[in-house]
Structures are given as structure tokens and as C-alpha cells.
Amino acid sequence: MEKVRAAATVGWDEAVEFAAEAFIATGVPPEDGRKAAEALVDADLHGTVTHGLKNLRNYVSGLLDGRITPRPTMRDVGGGRAARIISADNGLGHVAGHVGMEQAIELAREYGVGTVFVRDSNHYGASGYWARLPLRHNMIGFAFTTATARVAPWGGREGVVGNNPPAWAVPSRVLEPGADLPAPEAESMFLDIALSVVAGNRLDIYRRRNEPIPAGWALDREGEPTTDAVAANNGGTYAPLGDYKGSGMAILMAAITAFLAGAAFDDQRERMTGTTNHWFAAYDVRQFADPERFAGEVRGLRQRIQHNPPRRGFDHVYAPGDLENDNARRYQREGIPLEQFTLDELDWVAEHTGVRALSRNGPSRQR
């Protein structure tokens, strides 16, 4: 995981409050604004800077100019008993994510497994946040989203599917009903990955730094490897993770999500906003196994992975989620590091929404 080139740090509470006030200033209801802000800042807290506060300006500008609906009417539009379909009515993806996963959790509580497909939505940030929500209910979580068609089928030159990221999270501790679960204390095993070599927003970070991207990340419009982030975005594509494996997974998972939701596939979207689809699932552990035993098995597996002798070139072996969990604990104590271009974007948000500028501290002490 690439370290943040921090220009300053911000506190969790201050960052969430700033983002919430910005959303509310655009017309988003206060409760929805707060939920969206927590989902957004959680990405930075875990070190997933590609999906955090750097994107707040995009969401706010979409709300301000009417491309995203601040007060949508999200509704159930079909499905089966344990699997429902929800229309997000072009609302914020971070609000639709809460509606979709909360419904999946309720279905899992009743049926053991709950599945929800959401259509007519927008970018919902990091998939890992939504996969971790069921942990608060001693459940396993899964989340997946579609995206703009920027990945070509293996061997092709034109984008057909998004770099659509799936995420899974399994609990390593059992909570009492109604107990809170702050992110630094979750300690779950989880995986959140783009199905391209890196997330598209990682290329955007390099573009903002005015730096070449590493070889192997992207292809130009002719299908040739490029280290130019601008060329990659000018008719080029993202290199799929694991070659045909990544593009195949992205295609099939997007097909399941879009077609069951009754929505358009990634390359058939008529517009950029209000056409994103999500897939949420929750699994109630207690209906399959004793929760304490299950959590103990997860902890034991994590320890075996961590104690696996590292091969040459590696100092340590990490279990899925270890790096992100370490970030969450450290950033909660020391502050969340933000790069200068993110701070500039947040200043733009403050100026255009009328909210008070986000207070910040000096450069982060990154280790």
C-alpha cells in the first residue's frame, strides 16, 4: 500500500463534520449527509486515499449542478424474499450504500443470507466500507459496484467493463447487540480490490502529482502499455488484474449485478450519473455456526498467516486487511494524512458550499 505524501493531517471527527456539513449545504438531509460523510472519510482512515476526501469536490459539484439528486426517493422495486432490488433515484452512492446494505442485513437476520441489488445510483466510494458494515451485527459482508467502462476484455483495445471492485469482510470478534464498532477496533479480515491492476483514482493521483504512472497499470487508445496518465484517460484503458482473470471477473460480476437489477451493463450506460449498480450481501454467522467459534477460527487463521515465514524480499507476511487496520488505528491517534491536492479540493468545497474550512495540523509523521 502506497504511503500518503502528507501535507497535513486532520482528525476523524473534524473531517466527518466537514464532509457532512458540505453534503447538507447542497440539500442532502442531515442524517444522510452524516452517513455519507462517515463512509467517505473511512476510506482515508484506512489508507484508501483513492476513494476518500479527494473525491468530495466531485460529489459536491454533482449535487450543486443537479447531476446528482440530493433528496432522492429510494424505493424497493422487486426481487424475491431474501433478495431485493432497490432504485436509488440518482441519489448519492454513499447514501444508496447504506440503504442497500442495511436492507441486506435485515434480510440476513430473517433468512440467514440477505442480498440487495441497487440500480440508478452513483459512485459509492470504497467497497470495503460497505463490506464491513455487517460486522456490527456479527455478520459477514460482501459489496460490489459497477463503474465506467474503462477495462477492455482481455486482448481488446476498447473498454467494455468497469474496474468494478468487490470486497469481503469476515468478523474476528463477537459484539453484543447494539454495541458500537469503531473502525480501529474492528480488526476484521477483509479484502477490497479493484479488478484492474490499480484503482482508476490512483492514476488520477499521479496525474495531479504530474508524475508518470508505473508500467503495467494502463494502456493507451491503441492498446499499448503507457506510463502517461493523461494518455490512459484519453481513450485508453486500465490494465486488468491478472490479465484475463481480472477482466473476466469484472465482466461476469457486472453482468450479474446489472442484469438482475434490470439495469444497463457498463458499456451501455446512457449517461455518467444515476446509472451505477451495486450488489450487497450479508451472512448471519449465528445461523450457520457458533459466532464465538467462528471468530476464534478467523483469529487463528490470521495469526497463522502473520507467522508464516517471509520469503526473500519480504520483511513480514500480512493477512488480508492488516495494513488497512494498522492505518485505522494509527490515523485515529495521529490524524488522517492528506496530500496537498486534496487540501486544495477541500478548500474549493468550503468556498462553494459556504461551510467553514477544515482545520488541519502540520505534516503527518508517516512511518
Protein backbone atom coordinates (compact mmCIF):
# COMPACT_ATOMS: atom_id res chain seq x y z
CA MET A 1 0.00 0.00 0.00
CA GLU A 2 1.48 3.33 -1.12
CA LYS A 3 2.11 5.82 1.68
CA VAL A 4 0.32 9.16 1.61
CA ARG A 5 2.56 12.13 0.84
CA ALA A 6 1.01 14.13 3.61
CA ALA A 7 0.92 17.91 3.57
CA ALA A 8 -1.20 17.98 6.73
CA THR A 9 -3.32 15.78 9.00
CA VAL A 10 -6.94 16.10 10.07
CA GLY A 11 -8.88 14.48 12.89
CA TRP A 12 -11.60 11.91 12.22
CA ASP A 13 -14.35 13.92 13.91
CA GLU A 14 -13.37 17.16 12.17
CA ALA A 15 -13.16 15.51 8.76
CA VAL A 16 -16.54 13.80 9.12
CA GLU A 17 -18.16 17.01 10.36
CA PHE A 18 -16.74 18.99 7.44
CA ALA A 19 -17.90 16.47 4.82
CA ALA A 20 -21.33 16.16 6.46
CA GLU A 21 -21.82 19.94 6.52
CA ALA A 22 -20.78 20.15 2.87
CA PHE A 23 -23.29 17.49 1.85
CA ILE A 24 -26.03 19.12 3.91
CA ALA A 25 -25.26 22.51 2.35
CA THR A 26 -26.08 21.04 -1.07
CA GLY A 27 -29.52 19.88 0.10
CA VAL A 28 -28.76 16.37 1.37
CA PRO A 29 -30.83 15.57 4.52
CA PRO A 30 -28.71 15.81 7.70
CA GLU A 31 -28.92 12.10 8.59
CA ASP A 32 -27.96 11.07 5.05
CA GLY A 33 -25.20 13.68 4.97
CA ARG A 34 -23.67 12.30 8.15
CA LYS A 35 -23.81 8.71 6.91
CA ALA A 36 -22.26 9.66 3.57
CA ALA A 37 -19.51 11.62 5.33
CA GLU A 38 -18.58 8.69 7.59
CA ALA A 39 -18.39 6.35 4.60
CA LEU A 40 -16.22 8.83 2.71
CA VAL A 41 -13.73 9.62 5.50
CA ASP A 42 -13.49 5.94 6.47
CA ALA A 43 -11.62 5.37 3.21
CA ASP A 44 -8.91 7.86 4.22
CA LEU A 45 -8.84 6.41 7.73
CA HIS A 46 -7.92 3.02 6.28
CA GLY A 47 -5.40 4.50 3.84
CA THR A 48 -7.63 4.01 0.79
CA VAL A 49 -6.99 7.58 -0.31
CA THR A 50 -8.19 6.88 -3.85
CA HIS A 51 -11.78 6.82 -2.57
CA GLY A 52 -11.74 9.35 0.25
CA LEU A 53 -11.87 13.11 0.70
CA LYS A 54 -10.03 13.76 -2.57
CA ASN A 55 -13.35 12.94 -4.28
CA LEU A 56 -15.59 15.17 -2.14
CA ARG A 57 -15.43 18.00 -4.68
CA ASN A 58 -16.76 15.69 -7.41
CA TYR A 59 -19.76 14.69 -5.30
CA VAL A 60 -20.47 18.24 -4.16
CA SER A 61 -20.23 19.67 -7.67
CA GLY A 62 -22.59 16.95 -8.92
CA LEU A 63 -25.09 17.87 -6.22
CA LEU A 64 -24.75 21.60 -6.81
CA ASP A 65 -25.27 21.44 -10.57
CA GLY A 66 -28.14 18.95 -10.42
CA ARG A 67 -26.39 15.89 -11.83
CA ILE A 68 -26.96 14.05 -8.52
CA THR A 69 -30.27 14.22 -6.64
CA PRO A 70 -29.78 15.42 -3.03
CA ARG A 71 -33.16 14.15 -1.77
CA PRO A 72 -33.95 11.06 -3.82
CA THR A 73 -36.88 8.73 -3.34
CA MET A 74 -35.13 5.38 -2.95
CA ARG A 75 -37.59 2.52 -3.20
CA ASP A 76 -37.89 -1.24 -3.40
CA VAL A 77 -38.79 -2.20 -6.97
CA GLY A 78 -38.79 -6.01 -6.92
CA GLY A 79 -36.93 -9.21 -6.18
CA GLY A 80 -37.54 -12.31 -4.04
CA ARG A 81 -37.97 -12.83 -0.32
CA ALA A 82 -34.30 -12.80 0.60
CA ALA A 83 -33.05 -10.78 -2.37
CA ARG A 84 -34.42 -7.35 -3.22
CA ILE A 85 -33.86 -4.68 -5.87
CA ILE A 86 -33.72 -1.01 -4.92
CA SER A 87 -33.78 2.04 -7.17
CA ALA A 88 -31.56 4.80 -5.78
CA ASP A 89 -33.27 7.51 -7.86
CA ASN A 90 -29.93 9.11 -8.83
CA GLY A 91 -29.02 9.77 -5.21
CA LEU A 92 -25.57 9.83 -3.64
CA GLY A 93 -23.92 6.44 -3.87
CA HIS A 94 -22.82 6.75 -0.23
CA VAL A 95 -26.47 7.06 0.79
CA ALA A 96 -27.58 4.25 -1.51
CA GLY A 97 -24.85 2.08 0.00
CA HIS A 98 -26.32 2.47 3.46
CA VAL A 99 -29.85 1.78 2.23
CA GLY A 100 -28.75 -1.31 0.30
CA MET A 101 -26.53 -2.89 2.93
CA GLU A 102 -28.89 -2.12 5.81
CA GLN A 103 -31.63 -3.92 3.88
CA ALA A 104 -29.30 -6.86 3.22
CA ILE A 105 -28.55 -7.07 6.96
CA GLU A 106 -32.25 -7.15 7.80
CA LEU A 107 -32.85 -9.89 5.24
CA ALA A 108 -29.92 -11.90 6.61
CA ARG A 109 -31.31 -11.60 10.11
CA GLU A 110 -34.53 -13.22 8.88
CA TYR A 111 -33.28 -15.66 6.24
CA GLY A 112 -29.63 -16.26 7.11
CA VAL A 113 -28.46 -14.63 3.89
CA GLY A 114 -29.65 -11.31 2.52
CA THR A 115 -28.90 -9.89 -0.92
CA VAL A 116 -29.74 -6.49 -2.35
CA PHE A 117 -29.09 -5.10 -5.82
CA VAL A 118 -29.18 -1.34 -6.21
CA ARG A 119 -29.60 0.42 -9.53
CA ASP A 120 -29.88 4.09 -10.62
CA SER A 121 -27.10 5.03 -8.21
CA ASN A 122 -23.74 6.82 -8.30
CA HIS A 123 -20.15 6.21 -7.17
CA TYR A 124 -20.30 4.88 -3.59
CA GLY A 125 -16.64 5.18 -2.59
CA ALA A 126 -14.68 2.24 -1.23
CA SER A 127 -16.34 -1.18 -1.38
CA GLY A 128 -14.56 -2.21 1.81
CA TYR A 129 -16.65 0.16 3.94
CA TRP A 130 -19.89 -1.48 2.85
CA ALA A 131 -18.50 -4.99 3.29
CA ARG A 132 -17.52 -4.09 6.87
CA LEU A 133 -20.92 -2.71 7.90
CA PRO A 134 -22.39 -6.17 8.67
CA LEU A 135 -19.55 -6.79 11.16
CA ARG A 136 -21.51 -4.63 13.61
CA HIS A 137 -24.17 -7.34 13.55
CA ASN A 138 -21.79 -10.33 13.73
CA MET A 139 -22.28 -10.95 10.03
CA ILE A 140 -20.06 -11.49 7.01
CA GLY A 141 -20.31 -8.75 4.40
CA PHE A 142 -19.88 -8.52 0.65
CA ALA A 143 -20.11 -5.46 -1.61
CA PHE A 144 -19.55 -4.87 -5.30
CA THR A 145 -20.15 -1.96 -7.64
CA THR A 146 -20.08 -1.28 -11.34
CA ALA A 147 -18.22 1.65 -12.87
CA THR A 148 -17.47 3.44 -16.12
CA ALA A 149 -16.30 1.04 -18.85
CA ARG A 150 -12.54 1.52 -18.68
CA VAL A 151 -11.32 -2.11 -18.81
CA ALA A 152 -11.14 -3.91 -22.14
CA PRO A 153 -11.83 -7.62 -22.48
CA TRP A 154 -8.52 -9.46 -22.41
CA GLY A 155 -6.85 -8.89 -25.78
CA GLY A 156 -9.13 -5.99 -26.73
CA ARG A 157 -8.50 -2.26 -27.03
CA GLU A 158 -11.82 -0.66 -26.07
CA GLY A 159 -13.30 -0.51 -22.60
CA VAL A 160 -16.33 -2.73 -22.07
CA VAL A 161 -16.50 -3.06 -18.28
CA GLY A 162 -15.50 -1.03 -15.23
CA ASN A 163 -12.65 -1.91 -12.91
CA ASN A 164 -15.52 -2.94 -10.64
CA PRO A 165 -14.21 -3.63 -7.10
CA PRO A 166 -15.53 -6.47 -4.94
CA ALA A 167 -14.94 -6.56 -1.18
CA TRP A 168 -15.45 -9.20 1.50
CA ALA A 169 -15.19 -8.88 5.30
CA VAL A 170 -15.37 -11.57 7.99
CA PRO A 171 -15.67 -10.84 11.73
CA SER A 172 -12.91 -11.74 14.15
CA ARG A 173 -14.80 -10.75 17.29
CA VAL A 174 -18.36 -11.07 18.60
CA LEU A 175 -20.32 -7.98 19.58
CA GLU A 176 -23.22 -7.61 21.96
CA PRO A 177 -26.47 -6.45 20.29
CA GLY A 178 -26.43 -2.72 19.73
CA ALA A 179 -22.72 -2.37 20.52
CA ASP A 180 -20.73 0.21 18.59
CA LEU A 181 -17.75 -0.87 16.48
CA PRO A 182 -15.30 1.95 15.77
CA ALA A 183 -13.20 1.20 12.70
CA PRO A 184 -9.88 0.99 14.61
CA GLU A 185 -11.38 -1.74 16.81
CA ALA A 186 -12.99 -3.88 14.10
CA GLU A 187 -9.88 -5.99 13.38
CA SER A 188 -11.70 -7.94 10.72
CA MET A 189 -10.10 -9.85 7.90
CA PHE A 190 -11.21 -8.13 4.73
CA LEU A 191 -10.26 -7.68 1.11
CA ASP A 192 -11.19 -4.72 -1.12
CA ILE A 193 -9.69 -4.81 -4.61
CA ALA A 194 -10.19 -3.20 -7.99
CA LEU A 195 -10.31 -5.69 -10.85
CA SER A 196 -7.79 -3.57 -12.72
CA VAL A 197 -4.15 -3.55 -11.60
CA VAL A 198 -4.85 -0.38 -9.58
CA ALA A 199 -7.94 1.73 -8.96
CA GLY A 200 -8.62 4.34 -11.62
CA ASN A 201 -8.37 7.05 -8.99
CA ARG A 202 -4.74 6.01 -8.40
CA LEU A 203 -3.97 7.18 -11.93
CA ASP A 204 -5.71 10.45 -11.10
CA ILE A 205 -3.41 10.91 -8.10
CA TYR A 206 -0.34 10.51 -10.32
CA ARG A 207 -1.83 12.94 -12.84
CA ARG A 208 -2.30 15.51 -10.09
CA ARG A 209 1.27 14.98 -8.96
CA ASN A 210 2.39 15.42 -12.58
CA GLU A 211 4.26 12.11 -12.38
CA PRO A 212 4.39 9.12 -14.75
CA ILE A 213 2.42 6.08 -13.67
CA PRO A 214 4.29 2.78 -13.19
CA ALA A 215 4.48 0.47 -16.17
CA GLY A 216 1.79 -2.17 -16.28
CA TRP A 217 -1.03 -0.02 -14.90
CA ALA A 218 -2.67 1.22 -18.09
CA LEU A 219 -2.89 1.03 -21.88
CA ASP A 220 -3.28 3.83 -24.44
CA ARG A 221 -6.01 4.04 -27.10
CA GLU A 222 -4.02 1.67 -29.33
CA GLY A 223 -3.86 -0.95 -26.60
CA GLU A 224 -0.18 -0.35 -25.94
CA PRO A 225 1.28 -0.03 -22.42
CA THR A 226 1.67 3.58 -21.28
CA THR A 227 3.13 5.42 -18.32
CA ASP A 228 1.19 8.59 -19.17
CA ALA A 229 -1.92 9.02 -17.01
CA VAL A 230 -3.34 11.54 -19.49
CA ALA A 231 -2.97 9.09 -22.40
CA ALA A 232 -4.60 6.39 -20.33
CA ASN A 233 -7.60 8.66 -19.78
CA ASN A 234 -7.71 9.81 -23.41
CA GLY A 235 -9.35 6.75 -24.92
CA GLY A 236 -7.09 4.30 -23.15
CA THR A 237 -7.96 1.55 -20.67
CA TYR A 238 -6.90 0.24 -17.29
CA ALA A 239 -4.83 -2.93 -17.34
CA PRO A 240 -6.92 -5.77 -15.85
CA LEU A 241 -5.78 -7.51 -12.69
CA GLY A 242 -4.24 -10.86 -13.57
CA ASP A 243 -4.83 -10.34 -17.31
CA TYR A 244 -7.83 -12.42 -18.48
CA LYS A 245 -8.75 -13.32 -14.90
CA GLY A 246 -9.44 -9.75 -13.82
CA SER A 247 -11.34 -8.77 -16.94
CA GLY A 248 -13.35 -11.99 -16.78
CA MET A 249 -14.29 -11.47 -13.14
CA ALA A 250 -15.26 -7.85 -13.80
CA ILE A 251 -17.43 -8.83 -16.76
CA LEU A 252 -19.27 -11.67 -15.03
CA MET A 253 -19.83 -9.86 -11.73
CA ALA A 254 -21.05 -6.76 -13.55
CA ALA A 255 -23.38 -8.90 -15.66
CA ILE A 256 -24.92 -10.49 -12.55
CA THR A 257 -25.36 -7.09 -10.89
CA ALA A 258 -26.73 -5.18 -13.85
CA PHE A 259 -28.94 -7.83 -15.37
CA LEU A 260 -30.55 -8.98 -12.10
CA ALA A 261 -31.13 -5.34 -11.19
CA GLY A 262 -32.73 -4.69 -14.58
CA ALA A 263 -30.10 -2.09 -15.45
CA ALA A 264 -27.65 -1.34 -18.26
CA PHE A 265 -24.23 -3.00 -18.48
CA ASP A 266 -21.21 -0.75 -18.03
CA ASP A 267 -20.62 0.00 -21.73
CA GLN A 268 -24.33 0.60 -22.36
CA ARG A 269 -24.87 3.36 -19.80
CA GLU A 270 -26.59 6.35 -21.40
CA ARG A 271 -25.07 8.90 -19.01
CA MET A 272 -22.44 9.13 -16.30
CA THR A 273 -24.70 9.80 -13.32
CA GLY A 274 -27.57 7.75 -11.97
CA THR A 275 -26.53 4.59 -13.82
CA THR A 276 -24.21 2.85 -11.35
CA ASN A 277 -25.25 -0.53 -9.92
CA HIS A 278 -24.31 -2.14 -6.60
CA TRP A 279 -24.52 -5.65 -5.15
CA PHE A 280 -24.69 -6.11 -1.37
CA ALA A 281 -24.86 -9.31 0.66
CA ALA A 282 -24.81 -10.18 4.35
CA TYR A 283 -24.47 -13.60 6.02
CA ASP A 284 -25.67 -14.06 9.59
CA VAL A 285 -22.94 -16.21 11.14
CA ARG A 286 -25.08 -17.45 14.03
CA GLN A 287 -27.42 -19.23 11.61
CA PHE A 288 -24.51 -21.29 10.29
CA ALA A 289 -22.04 -21.65 13.18
CA ASP A 290 -21.39 -20.61 16.75
CA PRO A 291 -20.26 -16.95 16.44
CA GLU A 292 -17.54 -17.24 19.10
CA ARG A 293 -16.08 -20.34 17.47
CA PHE A 294 -16.24 -18.71 14.04
CA ALA A 295 -14.49 -15.54 15.25
CA GLY A 296 -11.86 -17.65 17.00
CA GLU A 297 -11.18 -19.57 13.80
CA VAL A 298 -10.75 -16.29 11.93
CA ARG A 299 -8.29 -15.01 14.54
CA GLY A 300 -6.37 -18.29 14.40
CA LEU A 301 -6.15 -18.15 10.62
CA ARG A 302 -4.92 -14.57 10.75
CA GLN A 303 -2.20 -15.50 13.24
CA ARG A 304 -1.04 -18.42 11.09
CA ILE A 305 -0.77 -16.10 8.10
CA GLN A 306 1.11 -13.46 10.08
CA HIS A 307 3.56 -16.06 11.45
CA ASN A 308 4.23 -17.55 8.03
CA PRO A 309 7.99 -17.21 7.39
CA PRO A 310 8.55 -14.43 4.82
CA ARG A 311 10.40 -15.27 1.64
CA ARG A 312 13.30 -13.27 0.32
CA GLY A 313 12.43 -9.65 -0.36
CA PHE A 314 9.67 -9.53 2.27
CA ASP A 315 10.00 -8.41 5.88
CA HIS A 316 6.57 -9.51 7.03
CA VAL A 317 3.54 -11.52 5.93
CA TYR A 318 0.20 -9.74 6.24
CA ALA A 319 -3.28 -11.20 6.48
CA PRO A 320 -5.98 -9.54 4.36
CA GLY A 321 -6.89 -6.21 5.97
CA ASP A 322 -3.83 -5.97 8.25
CA LEU A 323 -2.35 -2.91 6.55
CA GLU A 324 -5.68 -1.08 6.48
CA ASN A 325 -6.41 -1.95 10.12
CA ASP A 326 -2.97 -0.67 11.11
CA ASN A 327 -3.68 2.58 9.29
CA ALA A 328 -7.03 2.99 11.01
CA ARG A 329 -5.52 2.60 14.47
CA ARG A 330 -2.60 4.94 13.76
CA TYR A 331 -4.59 7.61 11.94
CA GLN A 332 -7.20 7.65 14.68
CA ARG A 333 -4.43 8.55 17.13
CA GLU A 334 -2.23 10.78 15.00
CA GLY A 335 -4.62 12.24 12.46
CA ILE A 336 -5.55 11.32 8.90
CA PRO A 337 -2.84 12.37 6.39
CA LEU A 338 -3.95 14.30 3.30
CA GLU A 339 -1.96 15.35 0.25
CA GLN A 340 -1.83 18.98 -0.87
CA PHE A 341 -4.11 18.47 -3.85
CA THR A 342 -6.76 17.04 -1.53
CA LEU A 343 -6.46 20.04 0.78
CA ASP A 344 -6.89 22.30 -2.26
CA GLU A 345 -10.04 20.42 -3.26
CA LEU A 346 -11.44 20.75 0.26
CA ASP A 347 -10.82 24.50 0.16
CA TRP A 348 -12.86 24.58 -3.07
CA VAL A 349 -15.66 22.69 -1.29
CA ALA A 350 -15.67 25.16 1.59
CA GLU A 351 -15.77 28.11 -0.80
CA HIS A 352 -18.63 26.74 -2.91
CA THR A 353 -20.80 25.42 -0.06
CA GLY A 354 -20.22 28.17 2.47
CA VAL A 355 -19.07 25.79 5.21
CA ARG A 356 -16.12 26.62 7.41
CA ALA A 357 -12.77 25.44 6.09
CA LEU A 358 -11.47 22.18 7.51
CA SER A 359 -8.96 22.72 10.30
CA ARG A 360 -5.69 20.91 9.80
CA ASN A 361 -2.41 20.19 11.54
CA GLY A 362 1.16 20.15 10.27
CA PRO A 363 2.66 17.39 8.11
CA SER A 364 1.94 13.84 9.25
CA ARG A 365 4.70 11.76 10.84
CA GLN A 366 4.48 8.85 8.39
CA ARG A 367 6.38 5.71 9.25
